[in-house]
Amino acid sequence: MSGRSVVLLLLVLVGVLIASQSLYVIKETERGVLLQFGEVVNPNIQPGLHVKIPFVNNVRKFDGRILTVDSPSERFFTQEKKALIVDSFAKFRVSDTSKFYTSTNFEEARVRGLLAQRINNGLRNQVGVRTIQEVVSGERDELMEVLTKEIDVMAREELGVEIIDVRVKQIDLPKDVSESVYRRMNAEREKEARELRSQGQELAEGIRAAADREVTVIRANAYRDAELIRGEGDAQATAIYANAFDQDSEFYSFTRSLRAYREAFQGSGDILLLQPDSEFFRYLKDPQGGD
């Protein structure tokens, strides 16, 4: 290989090296900062192909998408001094690249650690002024809104990041507290069940007493009506008998005697003890009924 070829090859290699050090690409999902001897000269490089001065400029890239920070579970005390174990997370993204670089040097792990610490401190303050009921359900949404605003202001001023949302994933009671709480809840439910049963028994007794009273009244009214009807029937029968007797007393006596004979001889017994001159044999001795 001639000397001229070697020179050309060296020039090509130097050109490729300079080009590789001069050209860089910022993706759509990335954010970039252009540095000159460690000083920020362009805090917001747009996505695309760009040129820099080799060995003078330096480019730092970082994720420009929405990121998540998971805060470790922490024990907080409520207004009643009851312990809660709260597990939370937050969504954030970089809003001020220059401040983000100067405060964290583009170290996401450092940002996550600082945010987790701030979130736990904010949760501790918010939980401490609320009851368990308010933290769990009553004012949970309000707590998250207030906490998000507070952390967002701090994160923008100190870290150059924007807090989009802070949420609680899970709220648990410590094991040493959950058993006592469970026993207390169980006792309260049993007490409530006993009260409901006693109220039900009281209502049942009242219903039974009212039903028994109504049955007694209905029976008394029915007996009264029956006696009235029976009395009216007896009165009508007596009137009919009296009317029949008035029309033909002898025939009435004769029919009564025949009915008495029929009823007397219908039984299974074949012996009848009566005096011979008894009134019962009046029409047997004389069909005319003479004495």
Foldseek 3Di string as FASTA:
>chain_A
DDPVVVVVVVVVVVVVVQVVQFKDFADPQKFKFKDFVNHTDRQGDDGDMGTDGGPGIDMDMAGQDKDKAWADWDWAAACVRAIKTWTKMFIKGAQGRNLQCVQPVRDVVVVSVVLSVLLVVLVNVLRHHHDPCCCPPVVVVVSFVVSQVVSQVVCCVRNRMGTPGMHIPDMDHDPVVVVVVVVVVVVVVVVVVVVVVVVVVVVVVVVVVVVVVVVVVVVVVVVVVVVVVVVVVVVVVVVVLVVVCVVPVQVSVVVVLVVVVCVVPPDPDPDDDDDPPDLSCQCVVPVSSDD
